[in-house]
Amino acid sequence: MRNFECVDNELVIGGVKATEIVKRYGSPVYVTDENAVRNNYHRIYQAFSKRMPTRINYACKSNTNLAVLRILEQEGSCIDAVSIGEIEACLRSGFSPDRILYTGVNVSNAELKAVVSKGVPINIDSFSELERLSKITTNHTISFRVNPEVGSGHHDKVITGKRSTKFGIPKHQIIDAYKRAVELGFKPSGIHAHIGSGGQKVEPFIELIDELIKIVQELETIGIDLRFIDIGGGIGIPYRLDEVEMDLDKMAEEITSRIKSKTKVKEIIIEPGRYIIADSTILLATVVDIKETPDKMYAGIDAGFNTLIRPAMYDSYHHVAVANKFGDKAEETYSLGGPICETGDVMAKDRELPKVEEGDIIAVYDAGAYGFTMASNYNMRPLPREVLVKDGEVTLIRESETIEELFRHQRIPSRLML
């Protein structure tokens, strides 16, 4: 978790006071620190690339803001995309098709055709997808996603590598998948697996790479040599003060040493999303109401699970602070309730904070990953603004929706207007 600067008793991000951002842009507002994005990318890239050729495929489902994508394109990142919409966002941000890897699940023929038309390599998730793709073209770069029966993650809903999940080709069928691809005329270039999201321990990744190496070795015995092993993403961050950050050097050494010593594979691919973007961004909200109930004290804020769904959906913890009282000591216990008409709309429960008053600014940490991308219009609330900060400058990178825009795609049949 980041340590933010405190100036005049106020939280500062990217050289700008949080209160100044809210004064200028209103709230709720996502604030992303450009330097943090760049630094996070370099940290993970360097940990692996100093050991073997490495490609970082940023998992853009975590944050698809075009400015964020542009920053990562400049840094040399590549992309993990899971939809044609994400592909289009990346192309518009300057990524060439060969720097994007499409890994869909339950992919329709329409989407397969669209991905092929963009020239983006496809990571095949099922035999059905392989057969359907072959009817469109066999002159296309492909790899396979295997279900490794290794799972990890911060919540059961984000563990993707268990044998019971919907993702990937079962490992006992994966060799047949490669054989079938060759029969159809494809030349598979790699293998991919993803165990889950938000893991903090190295051991599950070691277990994963050992499973992938067994598959690669078997493929090599039948003349199928792969260019890359893609270990997916899922590297977590410390959301709590007492959590320990992933040991990237240990992870990189354990994984790359195995690949180099046991296979002919020359490149490793990693798909971080959360690790790169989560702690680069805070969500700023304004306290609009104070309510004391028989059981607890609520500070009502103007950001709810329409803005950041993780606490409601995954029981996730996000650290919070009073941005305009950043240096003050905690005095009381508050739960931060949002404006959504649901009991579950509580951003943070029972937090020790300085005395909170209406008009105070609340900073919700680590909101860059799965914040805006999972936001909604529930309760007919417009999506909020996003801004980018760097060295004291603030730039608007997404305008907030208007009430009028909420109705732009709706139509009332003429017969109902009589």
Protein backbone atom coordinates (compact mmCIF):
# COMPACT_ATOMS: atom_id res chain seq x y z
CA MET A 1 0.00 0.00 0.00
CA ARG A 2 1.34 3.42 -0.94
CA ASN A 3 2.51 6.05 1.49
CA PHE A 4 1.13 9.36 0.28
CA GLU A 5 2.74 12.71 0.93
CA CYS A 6 1.19 14.98 3.56
CA VAL A 7 1.39 18.74 2.99
CA ASP A 8 -0.43 21.24 5.23
CA ASN A 9 -2.22 18.29 6.84
CA GLU A 10 -3.62 17.21 3.47
CA LEU A 11 -3.10 14.14 1.28
CA VAL A 12 -1.09 14.81 -1.86
CA ILE A 13 -1.04 12.55 -4.93
CA GLY A 14 1.21 13.25 -7.89
CA GLY A 15 2.15 16.61 -6.42
CA VAL A 16 -1.47 17.78 -6.11
CA LYS A 17 -3.61 18.13 -3.01
CA ALA A 18 -6.68 15.91 -3.05
CA THR A 19 -8.85 18.81 -1.93
CA GLU A 20 -7.74 20.89 -4.91
CA ILE A 21 -8.73 18.09 -7.27
CA VAL A 22 -12.20 17.81 -5.76
CA LYS A 23 -12.61 21.58 -5.77
CA ARG A 24 -11.84 21.64 -9.49
CA TYR A 25 -13.52 18.44 -10.70
CA GLY A 26 -16.05 17.55 -8.06
CA SER A 27 -16.57 14.08 -6.63
CA PRO A 28 -16.56 11.19 -6.86
CA VAL A 29 -13.43 11.27 -8.99
CA TYR A 30 -10.71 8.73 -9.75
CA VAL A 31 -7.19 10.17 -9.55
CA THR A 32 -4.35 8.28 -11.24
CA ASP A 33 -0.67 9.06 -10.69
CA GLU A 34 1.14 8.68 -14.03
CA ASN A 35 4.55 8.16 -12.46
CA ALA A 36 3.20 5.34 -10.30
CA VAL A 37 1.90 3.51 -13.38
CA ARG A 38 5.25 3.80 -15.11
CA ASN A 39 7.22 2.77 -12.01
CA ASN A 40 5.04 -0.27 -11.35
CA TYR A 41 5.47 -1.43 -14.93
CA HIS A 42 9.25 -1.10 -14.77
CA ARG A 43 9.45 -2.97 -11.47
CA ILE A 44 7.78 -6.11 -12.73
CA TYR A 45 9.37 -6.00 -16.18
CA GLN A 46 12.88 -5.66 -14.79
CA ALA A 47 12.40 -8.47 -12.25
CA PHE A 48 11.80 -10.98 -15.06
CA SER A 49 13.62 -9.49 -18.06
CA LYS A 50 17.01 -9.52 -16.33
CA ARG A 51 16.65 -13.30 -16.19
CA MET A 52 15.18 -14.17 -19.60
CA PRO A 53 13.37 -12.51 -22.53
CA THR A 54 10.10 -11.20 -21.12
CA ARG A 55 6.88 -9.79 -22.48
CA ILE A 56 4.47 -7.97 -20.19
CA ASN A 57 0.87 -8.31 -21.36
CA TYR A 58 -0.97 -5.75 -19.26
CA ALA A 59 -4.36 -7.21 -18.31
CA CYS A 60 -6.36 -4.27 -19.54
CA LYS A 61 -9.66 -5.50 -18.08
CA SER A 62 -8.36 -3.97 -14.84
CA ASN A 63 -8.36 -0.45 -16.28
CA THR A 64 -9.05 0.46 -19.92
CA ASN A 65 -8.79 4.23 -19.75
CA LEU A 66 -7.18 5.33 -23.01
CA ALA A 67 -4.66 7.56 -21.24
CA VAL A 68 -3.54 4.67 -19.03
CA LEU A 69 -3.21 2.43 -22.07
CA ARG A 70 -1.21 5.12 -23.86
CA ILE A 71 1.20 5.41 -20.93
CA LEU A 72 1.82 1.67 -20.99
CA GLU A 73 2.19 1.62 -24.78
CA GLN A 74 4.94 4.21 -24.41
CA GLU A 75 6.67 2.04 -21.83
CA GLY A 76 6.76 -0.92 -24.23
CA SER A 77 4.02 -2.99 -22.64
CA CYS A 78 1.88 -5.43 -24.58
CA ILE A 79 -1.74 -6.34 -23.85
CA ASP A 80 -3.92 -9.14 -22.52
CA ALA A 81 -7.40 -8.46 -23.93
CA VAL A 82 -10.58 -10.42 -23.26
CA SER A 83 -13.05 -8.74 -25.63
CA ILE A 84 -13.22 -7.04 -28.99
CA GLY A 85 -14.02 -3.81 -27.16
CA GLU A 86 -10.76 -4.03 -25.22
CA ILE A 87 -8.90 -4.74 -28.45
CA GLU A 88 -10.39 -1.64 -30.04
CA ALA A 89 -9.41 0.47 -27.02
CA CYS A 90 -5.82 -0.76 -27.27
CA LEU A 91 -5.60 -0.19 -31.01
CA ARG A 92 -6.85 3.36 -30.49
CA SER A 93 -4.15 3.84 -27.86
CA GLY A 94 -1.37 2.96 -30.30
CA PHE A 95 -0.83 -0.77 -29.78
CA SER A 96 -0.17 -2.77 -32.93
CA PRO A 97 -2.16 -6.02 -33.30
CA ASP A 98 0.90 -8.21 -32.67
CA ARG A 99 1.29 -6.60 -29.23
CA ILE A 100 -2.16 -7.79 -28.17
CA LEU A 101 -3.11 -11.33 -27.15
CA TYR A 102 -6.83 -12.08 -27.11
CA THR A 103 -7.92 -14.57 -24.46
CA GLY A 104 -11.68 -14.90 -24.52
CA VAL A 105 -13.99 -17.39 -22.87
CA ASN A 106 -17.21 -18.69 -24.41
CA VAL A 107 -16.36 -16.75 -27.55
CA SER A 108 -19.04 -16.23 -30.21
CA ASN A 109 -18.38 -16.66 -33.92
CA ALA A 110 -19.05 -12.96 -34.42
CA GLU A 111 -16.33 -12.05 -31.95
CA LEU A 112 -13.88 -14.56 -33.43
CA LYS A 113 -14.39 -13.01 -36.86
CA ALA A 114 -13.92 -9.53 -35.44
CA VAL A 115 -10.65 -10.49 -33.70
CA VAL A 116 -9.36 -12.16 -36.85
CA SER A 117 -10.22 -9.05 -38.87
CA LYS A 118 -8.05 -6.98 -36.51
CA GLY A 119 -5.09 -9.34 -36.93
CA VAL A 120 -4.81 -10.00 -33.19
CA PRO A 121 -3.39 -13.38 -32.05
CA ILE A 122 -5.92 -15.64 -30.33
CA ASN A 123 -5.41 -17.69 -27.18
CA ILE A 124 -7.80 -20.63 -27.66
CA ASP A 125 -9.97 -21.57 -24.69
CA SER A 126 -11.80 -24.68 -25.95
CA PHE A 127 -11.98 -27.34 -28.67
CA SER A 128 -15.17 -25.73 -29.88
CA GLU A 129 -13.45 -22.39 -30.33
CA LEU A 130 -10.59 -24.07 -32.20
CA GLU A 131 -12.93 -25.83 -34.64
CA ARG A 132 -15.01 -22.72 -35.21
CA LEU A 133 -11.91 -20.61 -35.78
CA SER A 134 -10.63 -23.14 -38.35
CA LYS A 135 -13.76 -22.53 -40.41
CA ILE A 136 -12.91 -18.82 -40.48
CA THR A 137 -9.16 -19.17 -41.07
CA THR A 138 -6.20 -21.38 -40.26
CA ASN A 139 -3.72 -18.65 -41.21
CA HIS A 140 -3.75 -17.03 -37.81
CA THR A 141 -1.43 -16.95 -34.80
CA ILE A 142 -2.80 -19.02 -31.92
CA SER A 143 -1.86 -20.41 -28.54
CA PHE A 144 -3.85 -22.41 -26.00
CA ARG A 145 -5.17 -21.72 -22.54
CA VAL A 146 -4.97 -24.76 -20.30
CA ASN A 147 -6.78 -25.31 -17.02
CA PRO A 148 -3.82 -26.34 -14.83
CA GLU A 149 -5.90 -27.42 -11.82
CA VAL A 150 -3.93 -24.93 -9.74
CA GLY A 151 -5.96 -22.14 -8.16
CA SER A 152 -5.11 -18.99 -6.24
CA GLY A 153 -6.83 -15.69 -5.47
CA HIS A 154 -8.22 -13.30 -2.91
CA HIS A 155 -11.80 -14.59 -3.26
CA ASP A 156 -13.43 -17.75 -4.60
CA LYS A 157 -15.05 -15.74 -7.41
CA VAL A 158 -11.66 -14.80 -8.88
CA ILE A 159 -9.91 -18.18 -8.65
CA THR A 160 -9.70 -19.27 -12.28
CA GLY A 161 -7.33 -22.24 -12.30
CA LYS A 162 -9.33 -24.80 -10.35
CA ARG A 163 -10.52 -27.80 -12.35
CA SER A 164 -14.18 -26.86 -11.81
CA THR A 165 -13.96 -23.39 -13.39
CA LYS A 166 -15.16 -22.46 -16.87
CA PHE A 167 -11.70 -21.43 -18.09
CA GLY A 168 -9.28 -23.25 -20.34
CA ILE A 169 -8.89 -26.69 -21.84
CA PRO A 170 -8.62 -29.39 -19.16
CA LYS A 171 -4.99 -30.38 -18.74
CA HIS A 172 -5.64 -34.02 -19.56
CA GLN A 173 -6.94 -32.91 -22.99
CA ILE A 174 -4.41 -30.22 -23.82
CA ILE A 175 -1.99 -32.40 -25.82
CA ASP A 176 -4.86 -33.50 -28.05
CA ALA A 177 -5.77 -29.85 -28.55
CA TYR A 178 -2.30 -29.07 -29.91
CA LYS A 179 -2.37 -32.16 -32.14
CA ARG A 180 -5.75 -31.15 -33.51
CA ALA A 181 -4.54 -27.61 -34.18
CA VAL A 182 -1.63 -28.95 -36.21
CA GLU A 183 -3.99 -31.25 -38.14
CA LEU A 184 -6.12 -28.22 -39.01
CA GLY A 185 -3.10 -26.29 -40.30
CA PHE A 186 -2.35 -24.03 -37.33
CA LYS A 187 1.12 -23.49 -35.85
CA PRO A 188 0.59 -22.99 -32.10
CA SER A 189 3.12 -20.56 -30.65
CA GLY A 190 2.62 -20.85 -26.91
CA ILE A 191 0.78 -22.04 -23.84
CA HIS A 192 -1.11 -19.99 -21.28
CA ALA A 193 -2.71 -20.47 -17.88
CA HIS A 194 -4.09 -18.14 -15.25
CA ILE A 195 -4.60 -19.35 -11.68
CA GLY A 196 -6.55 -16.43 -10.25
CA SER A 197 -6.43 -12.83 -9.12
CA GLY A 198 -4.78 -11.19 -6.15
CA GLY A 199 -2.36 -13.89 -5.01
CA GLN A 200 0.38 -12.81 -2.62
CA LYS A 201 2.38 -16.02 -2.39
CA VAL A 202 4.99 -17.39 -4.78
CA GLU A 203 4.19 -21.07 -4.19
CA PRO A 204 1.05 -21.33 -6.38
CA PHE A 205 2.96 -19.81 -9.31
CA ILE A 206 5.72 -22.38 -8.84
CA GLU A 207 3.12 -25.13 -8.82
CA LEU A 208 1.67 -23.64 -12.01
CA ILE A 209 4.96 -23.44 -13.87
CA ASP A 210 5.78 -27.03 -12.96
CA GLU A 211 2.48 -28.13 -14.53
CA LEU A 212 3.08 -26.07 -17.65
CA ILE A 213 6.61 -27.41 -18.04
CA LYS A 214 5.31 -30.99 -17.98
CA ILE A 215 2.98 -30.13 -20.86
CA VAL A 216 5.68 -28.30 -22.81
CA GLN A 217 8.08 -31.21 -22.41
CA GLU A 218 5.48 -33.65 -23.73
CA LEU A 219 4.77 -31.37 -26.68
CA GLU A 220 8.48 -31.17 -27.46
CA THR A 221 8.69 -34.98 -27.64
CA ILE A 222 6.12 -34.98 -30.47
CA GLY A 223 7.78 -32.16 -32.38
CA ILE A 224 5.71 -29.19 -31.20
CA ASP A 225 8.11 -26.52 -29.94
CA LEU A 226 6.53 -23.47 -28.34
CA ARG A 227 7.93 -19.95 -28.39
CA PHE A 228 6.46 -18.76 -25.10
CA ILE A 229 5.00 -19.79 -21.77
CA ASP A 230 2.40 -17.36 -20.45
CA ILE A 231 1.87 -17.71 -16.69
CA GLY A 232 -1.07 -15.29 -16.67
CA GLY A 233 -1.47 -12.60 -14.07
CA GLY A 234 -2.89 -12.49 -10.59
CA ILE A 235 0.02 -10.94 -8.71
CA GLY A 236 -1.62 -9.16 -5.81
CA ILE A 237 -0.83 -6.00 -3.93
CA PRO A 238 -0.99 -5.25 -0.20
CA TYR A 239 -4.39 -3.63 0.36
CA ARG A 240 -3.93 -3.63 4.15
CA LEU A 241 -1.24 -1.96 6.23
CA ASP A 242 -0.02 -5.29 7.60
CA GLU A 243 0.12 -7.17 4.29
CA VAL A 244 3.45 -8.07 2.71
CA GLU A 245 4.17 -7.30 -0.94
CA MET A 246 4.83 -10.16 -3.35
CA ASP A 247 8.53 -11.07 -3.55
CA LEU A 248 8.94 -10.43 -7.28
CA ASP A 249 12.61 -11.37 -7.40
CA LYS A 250 11.96 -14.73 -5.77
CA MET A 251 9.01 -15.37 -8.08
CA ALA A 252 10.98 -14.41 -11.18
CA GLU A 253 13.99 -16.52 -10.22
CA GLU A 254 11.97 -19.62 -9.34
CA ILE A 255 9.94 -19.50 -12.55
CA THR A 256 12.56 -18.47 -15.11
CA SER A 257 15.17 -20.91 -13.82
CA ARG A 258 12.74 -23.78 -14.33
CA ILE A 259 11.80 -22.69 -17.84
CA LYS A 260 15.41 -22.24 -18.94
CA SER A 261 16.66 -25.51 -17.49
CA LYS A 262 13.78 -27.78 -18.49
CA THR A 263 12.38 -26.52 -21.82
CA LYS A 264 13.37 -25.01 -25.16
CA VAL A 265 11.05 -22.04 -24.58
CA LYS A 266 12.79 -18.70 -25.06
CA GLU A 267 10.21 -16.19 -23.77
CA ILE A 268 8.05 -15.79 -20.72
CA ILE A 269 4.85 -13.74 -20.74
CA ILE A 270 3.26 -12.28 -17.61
CA GLU A 271 -0.15 -10.62 -17.51
CA PRO A 272 -0.23 -8.20 -14.57
CA GLY A 273 -3.17 -5.83 -14.29
CA ARG A 274 -3.77 -5.12 -10.64
CA TYR A 275 -0.04 -5.01 -9.86
CA ILE A 276 0.54 -2.22 -12.36
CA ILE A 277 -2.53 -0.06 -11.90
CA ALA A 278 -4.23 -0.66 -8.52
CA ASP A 279 -2.15 1.49 -6.19
CA SER A 280 -1.63 4.20 -8.81
CA THR A 281 -5.16 5.46 -8.24
CA ILE A 282 -7.29 6.76 -5.40
CA LEU A 283 -11.02 7.40 -5.44
CA LEU A 284 -11.98 10.72 -3.86
CA ALA A 285 -15.43 11.11 -2.34
CA THR A 286 -17.13 13.81 -0.31
CA VAL A 287 -18.82 13.25 3.04
CA VAL A 288 -22.42 14.34 2.55
CA ASP A 289 -24.09 12.98 5.69
CA ILE A 290 -23.31 11.91 9.24
CA LYS A 291 -25.67 9.44 10.89
CA GLU A 292 -25.48 7.80 14.28
CA THR A 293 -27.39 4.54 14.62
CA PRO A 294 -27.83 2.41 17.77
CA ASP A 295 -24.96 0.18 16.60
CA LYS A 296 -22.51 2.38 14.73
CA MET A 297 -21.64 5.75 13.27
CA TYR A 298 -22.01 6.23 9.53
CA ALA A 299 -20.25 8.78 7.40
CA GLY A 300 -22.30 8.98 4.20
CA ILE A 301 -20.24 9.59 1.06
CA ASP A 302 -21.11 10.28 -2.58
CA ALA A 303 -19.33 7.15 -3.89
CA GLY A 304 -20.94 3.73 -3.65
CA PHE A 305 -20.67 0.30 -5.18
CA ASN A 306 -21.74 1.83 -8.48
CA THR A 307 -18.32 3.50 -8.32
CA LEU A 308 -16.22 0.80 -6.64
CA ILE A 309 -17.94 -2.58 -6.42
CA ARG A 310 -15.11 -4.63 -4.92
CA PRO A 311 -16.09 -4.21 -1.23
CA ALA A 312 -19.68 -5.28 -1.95
CA MET A 313 -18.89 -8.01 -4.48
CA TYR A 314 -15.81 -9.61 -2.94
CA ASP A 315 -15.87 -8.29 0.65
CA SER A 316 -12.64 -6.57 -0.34
CA TYR A 317 -10.76 -4.26 1.96
CA HIS A 318 -9.70 -0.81 0.77
CA HIS A 319 -7.78 1.48 3.08
CA VAL A 320 -9.42 4.87 3.56
CA ALA A 321 -8.24 8.22 4.89
CA VAL A 322 -9.68 11.68 5.45
CA ALA A 323 -7.73 13.57 2.81
CA ASN A 324 -8.18 17.03 4.33
CA LYS A 325 -7.24 15.77 7.82
CA PHE A 326 -4.47 13.48 6.65
CA GLY A 327 -2.15 14.16 9.56
CA ASP A 328 -4.78 14.02 12.31
CA LYS A 329 -5.04 11.16 14.77
CA ALA A 330 -7.97 8.78 14.73
CA GLU A 331 -10.72 9.69 17.21
CA GLU A 332 -13.84 7.75 16.28
CA THR A 333 -15.02 4.63 14.46
CA TYR A 334 -17.01 5.08 11.27
CA SER A 335 -18.46 2.97 8.51
CA LEU A 336 -18.54 4.69 5.12
CA GLY A 337 -21.92 4.24 3.46
CA GLY A 338 -22.59 5.09 -0.15
CA PRO A 339 -25.68 6.55 -1.87
CA ILE A 340 -26.94 3.28 -3.39
CA CYS A 341 -30.24 1.91 -2.14
CA GLU A 342 -28.75 -1.40 -0.95
CA THR A 343 -27.68 -2.47 2.54
CA GLY A 344 -24.46 -3.83 1.03
CA ASP A 345 -23.39 -0.40 -0.19
CA VAL A 346 -20.72 0.17 2.45
CA MET A 347 -17.30 1.20 1.17
CA ALA A 348 -15.48 0.59 4.45
CA LYS A 349 -16.64 -0.89 7.75
CA ASP A 350 -15.68 0.20 11.26
CA ARG A 351 -12.61 2.31 10.49
CA GLU A 352 -10.75 4.43 13.02
CA LEU A 353 -10.63 7.93 11.56
CA PRO A 354 -10.24 11.54 12.68
CA LYS A 355 -13.56 13.20 13.56
CA VAL A 356 -15.45 13.24 10.26
CA GLU A 357 -17.68 16.14 9.26
CA GLU A 358 -19.85 16.91 6.27
CA GLY A 359 -17.70 18.31 3.48
CA ASP A 360 -14.63 16.26 4.37
CA ILE A 361 -12.89 14.45 1.53
CA ILE A 362 -12.43 10.69 1.81
CA ALA A 363 -9.61 8.99 -0.10
CA VAL A 364 -10.19 5.33 -0.98
CA TYR A 365 -6.87 3.69 -1.74
CA ASP A 366 -5.94 1.19 -4.47
CA ALA A 367 -8.91 1.97 -6.72
CA GLY A 368 -7.10 1.76 -10.05
CA ALA A 369 -7.82 -1.90 -10.74
CA TYR A 370 -11.43 -2.98 -11.23
CA GLY A 371 -12.71 0.41 -10.13
CA PHE A 372 -14.02 2.29 -13.13
CA THR A 373 -14.04 -0.81 -15.34
CA MET A 374 -16.62 -2.45 -13.05
CA ALA A 375 -18.57 0.74 -12.36
CA SER A 376 -22.25 0.90 -13.30
CA ASN A 377 -25.25 3.17 -13.68
CA TYR A 378 -27.17 1.37 -10.94
CA ASN A 379 -29.79 3.62 -9.35
CA MET A 380 -29.46 5.70 -12.55
CA ARG A 381 -26.27 7.38 -11.42
CA PRO A 382 -23.86 8.75 -14.05
CA LEU A 383 -20.32 7.40 -14.23
CA PRO A 384 -17.72 9.65 -12.59
CA ARG A 385 -14.74 11.58 -13.90
CA GLU A 386 -11.16 10.34 -14.11
CA VAL A 387 -8.12 12.59 -13.88
CA LEU A 388 -4.40 12.03 -14.35
CA VAL A 389 -1.81 13.71 -12.15
CA LYS A 390 1.88 14.10 -12.76
CA ASP A 391 4.42 16.34 -11.04
CA GLY A 392 1.82 18.82 -9.86
CA GLU A 393 -0.29 18.92 -13.01
CA VAL A 394 -3.84 17.59 -13.33
CA THR A 395 -5.44 16.51 -16.61
CA LEU A 396 -8.99 15.36 -17.19
CA ILE A 397 -8.87 11.95 -18.92
CA ARG A 398 -12.56 11.07 -18.77
CA GLU A 399 -15.50 13.41 -18.45
CA SER A 400 -18.35 12.37 -16.18
CA GLU A 401 -21.61 11.25 -17.71
CA THR A 402 -24.63 13.50 -17.65
CA ILE A 403 -28.15 12.52 -16.64
CA GLU A 404 -29.20 13.04 -20.26
CA GLU A 405 -26.62 10.51 -21.46
CA LEU A 406 -28.21 7.82 -19.30
CA PHE A 407 -31.14 7.79 -21.72
CA ARG A 408 -29.23 7.94 -25.02
CA HIS A 409 -29.89 4.31 -26.00
CA GLN A 410 -33.44 3.94 -24.75
CA ARG A 411 -36.50 4.10 -26.98
CA ILE A 412 -40.18 4.24 -26.09
CA PRO A 413 -42.32 2.46 -28.73
CA SER A 414 -44.67 4.86 -30.50
CA ARG A 415 -47.70 2.74 -29.50
CA LEU A 416 -46.95 3.55 -25.85
CA MET A 417 -47.07 7.26 -26.59
CA LEU A 418 -50.72 7.28 -27.65
